[in-house]
Amino acid sequence: MKVIADLCVVPLGVGVSVSEYVAACEKVLKEAGLNTKLHAYGTNIEGEWDEVFAAIKRCHEIVHQMGAPRITTTLKFGTRTDRVQTMEDKVKSVEKKVR
């Protein structure tokens, strides 16, 4: 089953800047072969359910290995069975209506 997710992984106890940890997680998602779109407060992810959630688990493992004692994660996700829809489709649909 295809899923589109919005992921925000925040390591705690590592100081103010977390870009190093975000970059590590981005590498995990890319290595998993997932379609992603980084934004200011997280990453949109598109792919097969099992692959997306396995990569999210791997992000947590990597960030802990990097020394983060705690992680808080916000995850929103959705699936459809009526038709195939990509992240790009969703954005274009809204942009058309704004014009």
N, C-alpha and C. Protein backbone atom coordinates (compact mmCIF):
# COMPACT_ATOMS: atom_id res chain seq x y z
N MET A 1 0.84 -1.17 0.00
CA MET A 1 0.00 0.00 0.00
C MET A 1 0.89 1.24 0.00
N LYS A 2 0.56 2.20 -0.85
CA LYS A 2 1.29 3.47 -0.90
C LYS A 2 0.87 4.36 0.26
N VAL A 3 1.83 5.15 0.76
CA VAL A 3 1.56 6.09 1.84
C VAL A 3 2.33 7.38 1.56
N ILE A 4 1.73 8.48 1.95
CA ILE A 4 2.41 9.77 1.96
C ILE A 4 2.48 10.19 3.42
N ALA A 5 3.68 10.53 3.87
CA ALA A 5 3.89 10.87 5.28
C ALA A 5 4.59 12.20 5.42
N ASP A 6 4.37 12.84 6.55
CA ASP A 6 5.09 14.05 6.93
C ASP A 6 5.79 13.72 8.24
N LEU A 7 7.11 13.75 8.22
CA LEU A 7 7.94 13.31 9.34
C LEU A 7 8.75 14.46 9.90
N CYS A 8 8.75 14.60 11.22
CA CYS A 8 9.61 15.57 11.89
C CYS A 8 10.26 14.87 13.08
N VAL A 9 11.55 14.60 12.95
CA VAL A 9 12.33 13.93 13.99
C VAL A 9 13.15 14.99 14.72
N VAL A 10 12.98 15.08 16.04
CA VAL A 10 13.69 16.08 16.83
C VAL A 10 14.48 15.38 17.94
N PRO A 11 15.81 15.36 17.82
CA PRO A 11 16.62 14.78 18.89
C PRO A 11 16.65 15.73 20.08
N LEU A 12 16.57 15.17 21.27
CA LEU A 12 16.61 15.98 22.50
C LEU A 12 17.92 15.70 23.24
N GLY A 13 18.42 16.71 23.91
CA GLY A 13 19.64 16.55 24.69
C GLY A 13 20.90 16.66 23.87
N VAL A 14 20.81 17.32 22.69
CA VAL A 14 21.98 17.42 21.81
C VAL A 14 22.36 18.86 21.51
N GLY A 15 21.74 19.80 22.17
CA GLY A 15 22.02 21.21 21.91
C GLY A 15 20.94 21.83 21.04
N VAL A 16 21.20 23.05 20.62
CA VAL A 16 20.20 23.82 19.89
C VAL A 16 20.10 23.43 18.42
N SER A 17 21.23 23.27 17.75
CA SER A 17 21.21 22.93 16.32
C SER A 17 21.03 21.43 16.13
N VAL A 18 20.09 21.07 15.28
CA VAL A 18 19.84 19.65 15.02
C VAL A 18 20.04 19.28 13.55
N SER A 19 20.58 20.19 12.76
CA SER A 19 20.71 19.95 11.31
C SER A 19 21.56 18.72 10.99
N GLU A 20 22.55 18.43 11.79
CA GLU A 20 23.39 17.24 11.58
C GLU A 20 22.55 15.96 11.67
N TYR A 21 21.61 15.94 12.59
CA TYR A 21 20.75 14.78 12.79
C TYR A 21 19.69 14.68 11.69
N VAL A 22 19.17 15.83 11.30
CA VAL A 22 18.21 15.87 10.20
C VAL A 22 18.88 15.37 8.92
N ALA A 23 20.10 15.81 8.67
CA ALA A 23 20.83 15.38 7.48
C ALA A 23 21.05 13.87 7.49
N ALA A 24 21.37 13.32 8.65
CA ALA A 24 21.57 11.87 8.76
C ALA A 24 20.28 11.12 8.43
N CYS A 25 19.16 11.64 8.91
CA CYS A 25 17.87 11.02 8.63
C CYS A 25 17.53 11.15 7.14
N GLU A 26 17.83 12.29 6.55
CA GLU A 26 17.59 12.48 5.11
C GLU A 26 18.38 11.44 4.30
N LYS A 27 19.60 11.16 4.71
CA LYS A 27 20.41 10.14 4.03
C LYS A 27 19.75 8.77 4.12
N VAL A 28 19.22 8.45 5.29
CA VAL A 28 18.52 7.17 5.48
C VAL A 28 17.36 7.06 4.51
N LEU A 29 16.56 8.12 4.40
CA LEU A 29 15.39 8.11 3.52
C LEU A 29 15.80 7.97 2.06
N LYS A 30 16.86 8.67 1.66
CA LYS A 30 17.34 8.58 0.27
C LYS A 30 17.88 7.18 -0.01
N GLU A 31 18.65 6.63 0.92
CA GLU A 31 19.21 5.29 0.74
C GLU A 31 18.12 4.24 0.64
N ALA A 32 16.97 4.50 1.25
CA ALA A 32 15.83 3.58 1.18
C ALA A 32 15.12 3.69 -0.16
N GLY A 33 15.52 4.67 -0.98
CA GLY A 33 14.93 4.82 -2.31
C GLY A 33 13.57 5.49 -2.29
N LEU A 34 13.28 6.22 -1.22
CA LEU A 34 11.97 6.86 -1.09
C LEU A 34 11.98 8.24 -1.75
N ASN A 35 10.82 8.64 -2.24
CA ASN A 35 10.65 9.99 -2.77
C ASN A 35 10.42 10.91 -1.58
N THR A 36 11.27 11.94 -1.44
CA THR A 36 11.17 12.84 -0.29
C THR A 36 11.19 14.29 -0.72
N LYS A 37 10.68 15.13 0.16
CA LYS A 37 10.72 16.58 -0.04
C LYS A 37 10.96 17.22 1.33
N LEU A 38 12.20 17.70 1.53
CA LEU A 38 12.56 18.37 2.77
C LEU A 38 11.89 19.74 2.81
N HIS A 39 11.34 20.09 3.97
CA HIS A 39 10.80 21.44 4.15
C HIS A 39 11.28 21.98 5.49
N ALA A 40 10.91 23.19 5.83
CA ALA A 40 11.48 23.87 7.00
C ALA A 40 11.26 23.15 8.32
N TYR A 41 10.18 22.38 8.43
CA TYR A 41 9.88 21.72 9.70
C TYR A 41 9.66 20.23 9.56
N GLY A 42 10.34 19.61 8.59
CA GLY A 42 10.23 18.17 8.44
C GLY A 42 10.48 17.72 7.02
N THR A 43 10.01 16.54 6.72
CA THR A 43 10.19 15.93 5.41
C THR A 43 8.92 15.20 5.01
N ASN A 44 8.48 15.44 3.78
CA ASN A 44 7.39 14.65 3.21
C ASN A 44 8.03 13.42 2.58
N ILE A 45 7.39 12.28 2.75
CA ILE A 45 7.90 11.00 2.25
C ILE A 45 6.79 10.29 1.50
N GLU A 46 7.15 9.68 0.39
CA GLU A 46 6.19 8.93 -0.42
C GLU A 46 6.78 7.56 -0.74
N GLY A 47 6.00 6.52 -0.55
CA GLY A 47 6.49 5.19 -0.88
C GLY A 47 5.57 4.11 -0.38
N GLU A 48 6.05 2.89 -0.45
CA GLU A 48 5.30 1.75 0.06
C GLU A 48 5.33 1.76 1.59
N TRP A 49 4.20 1.41 2.18
CA TRP A 49 4.02 1.46 3.63
C TRP A 49 5.20 0.86 4.40
N ASP A 50 5.54 -0.39 4.12
CA ASP A 50 6.60 -1.08 4.88
C ASP A 50 7.95 -0.39 4.72
N GLU A 51 8.24 0.10 3.53
CA GLU A 51 9.52 0.76 3.28
C GLU A 51 9.59 2.10 4.01
N VAL A 52 8.50 2.86 4.00
CA VAL A 52 8.47 4.15 4.68
C VAL A 52 8.66 3.96 6.18
N PHE A 53 7.91 3.05 6.77
CA PHE A 53 8.00 2.89 8.22
C PHE A 53 9.30 2.22 8.66
N ALA A 54 9.87 1.39 7.82
CA ALA A 54 11.19 0.81 8.13
C ALA A 54 12.25 1.92 8.11
N ALA A 55 12.15 2.84 7.18
CA ALA A 55 13.11 3.95 7.10
C ALA A 55 12.95 4.89 8.30
N ILE A 56 11.73 5.12 8.74
CA ILE A 56 11.51 5.96 9.91
C ILE A 56 12.15 5.31 11.14
N LYS A 57 11.97 4.01 11.27
CA LYS A 57 12.62 3.29 12.38
C LYS A 57 14.14 3.44 12.29
N ARG A 58 14.66 3.31 11.09
CA ARG A 58 16.11 3.43 10.88
C ARG A 58 16.59 4.84 11.24
N CYS A 59 15.79 5.87 10.94
CA CYS A 59 16.15 7.24 11.33
C CYS A 59 16.34 7.32 12.84
N HIS A 60 15.42 6.72 13.58
CA HIS A 60 15.54 6.73 15.04
C HIS A 60 16.81 6.00 15.48
N GLU A 61 17.08 4.87 14.88
CA GLU A 61 18.28 4.12 15.25
C GLU A 61 19.54 4.94 15.01
N ILE A 62 19.62 5.58 13.84
CA ILE A 62 20.81 6.37 13.49
C ILE A 62 20.97 7.56 14.43
N VAL A 63 19.89 8.28 14.68
CA VAL A 63 19.96 9.47 15.53
C VAL A 63 20.37 9.08 16.96
N HIS A 64 19.89 7.95 17.46
CA HIS A 64 20.34 7.47 18.77
C HIS A 64 21.82 7.10 18.73
N GLN A 65 22.25 6.43 17.65
CA GLN A 65 23.67 6.07 17.51
C GLN A 65 24.57 7.30 17.48
N MET A 66 24.02 8.40 16.99
CA MET A 66 24.79 9.65 16.93
C MET A 66 24.89 10.33 18.30
N GLY A 67 24.21 9.78 19.30
CA GLY A 67 24.34 10.30 20.65
C GLY A 67 23.12 10.96 21.24
N ALA A 68 22.03 11.03 20.50
CA ALA A 68 20.82 11.63 21.06
C ALA A 68 20.20 10.66 22.06
N PRO A 69 20.08 11.08 23.32
CA PRO A 69 19.50 10.18 24.32
C PRO A 69 17.98 10.04 24.19
N ARG A 70 17.35 11.08 23.61
CA ARG A 70 15.88 11.06 23.43
C ARG A 70 15.55 11.63 22.06
N ILE A 71 14.43 11.17 21.53
CA ILE A 71 13.92 11.69 20.26
C ILE A 71 12.42 11.86 20.40
N THR A 72 11.93 12.99 19.92
CA THR A 72 10.50 13.16 19.80
C THR A 72 10.18 13.29 18.32
N THR A 73 9.17 12.58 17.89
CA THR A 73 8.83 12.55 16.47
C THR A 73 7.36 12.87 16.27
N THR A 74 7.13 13.72 15.28
CA THR A 74 5.77 13.99 14.84
C THR A 74 5.60 13.34 13.48
N LEU A 75 4.54 12.56 13.33
CA LEU A 75 4.31 11.85 12.09
C LEU A 75 2.84 11.96 11.70
N LYS A 76 2.61 12.46 10.50
CA LYS A 76 1.27 12.46 9.91
C LYS A 76 1.38 11.63 8.64
N PHE A 77 0.37 10.82 8.37
CA PHE A 77 0.42 10.04 7.15
C PHE A 77 -0.98 9.72 6.66
N GLY A 78 -1.05 9.46 5.37
CA GLY A 78 -2.34 9.14 4.78
C GLY A 78 -2.19 8.13 3.66
N THR A 79 -3.26 7.40 3.44
CA THR A 79 -3.32 6.42 2.35
C THR A 79 -4.63 6.62 1.60
N ARG A 80 -4.65 6.14 0.37
CA ARG A 80 -5.87 6.18 -0.45
C ARG A 80 -6.04 4.83 -1.12
N THR A 81 -7.30 4.44 -1.29
CA THR A 81 -7.59 3.22 -2.05
C THR A 81 -8.40 3.52 -3.30
N ASP A 82 -8.90 4.75 -3.41
CA ASP A 82 -9.74 5.10 -4.56
C ASP A 82 -8.95 5.44 -5.80
N ARG A 83 -7.70 5.92 -5.62
CA ARG A 83 -6.85 6.23 -6.77
C ARG A 83 -5.42 6.44 -6.29
N VAL A 84 -4.51 6.44 -7.25
CA VAL A 84 -3.10 6.71 -6.96
C VAL A 84 -2.91 8.22 -6.91
N GLN A 85 -2.24 8.71 -5.87
CA GLN A 85 -1.97 10.13 -5.74
C GLN A 85 -0.57 10.33 -5.20
N THR A 86 0.18 11.24 -5.82
CA THR A 86 1.53 11.53 -5.36
C THR A 86 1.55 12.84 -4.57
N MET A 87 2.68 13.10 -3.94
CA MET A 87 2.84 14.36 -3.23
C MET A 87 2.68 15.52 -4.21
N GLU A 88 3.27 15.37 -5.38
CA GLU A 88 3.20 16.40 -6.41
C GLU A 88 1.75 16.65 -6.84
N ASP A 89 0.98 15.58 -6.99
CA ASP A 89 -0.45 15.72 -7.35
C ASP A 89 -1.18 16.57 -6.31
N LYS A 90 -0.93 16.31 -5.05
CA LYS A 90 -1.62 17.02 -3.98
C LYS A 90 -1.30 18.52 -4.01
N VAL A 91 -0.03 18.84 -4.21
CA VAL A 91 0.39 20.24 -4.24
C VAL A 91 -0.19 20.94 -5.48
N LYS A 92 -0.10 20.29 -6.63
CA LYS A 92 -0.62 20.89 -7.87
C LYS A 92 -2.12 21.15 -7.78
N SER A 93 -2.86 20.27 -7.14
CA SER A 93 -4.29 20.44 -6.99
C SER A 93 -4.62 21.74 -6.24
N VAL A 94 -3.88 22.02 -5.19
CA VAL A 94 -4.10 23.24 -4.42
C VAL A 94 -3.62 24.46 -5.22
N GLU A 95 -2.44 24.35 -5.82
CA GLU A 95 -1.90 25.48 -6.57
C GLU A 95 -2.83 25.91 -7.69
N LYS A 96 -3.48 24.97 -8.36
CA LYS A 96 -4.44 25.29 -9.42
C LYS A 96 -5.60 26.13 -8.89
N LYS A 97 -6.00 25.83 -7.71
CA LYS A 97 -7.14 26.54 -7.11
C LYS A 97 -6.77 27.92 -6.58
N VAL A 98 -5.50 28.14 -6.30
CA VAL A 98 -5.03 29.42 -5.80
C VAL A 98 -4.92 30.45 -6.93
N ARG A 99 -4.63 29.99 -8.11
CA ARG A 99 -4.42 30.90 -9.27
C ARG A 99 -5.66 31.57 -9.69
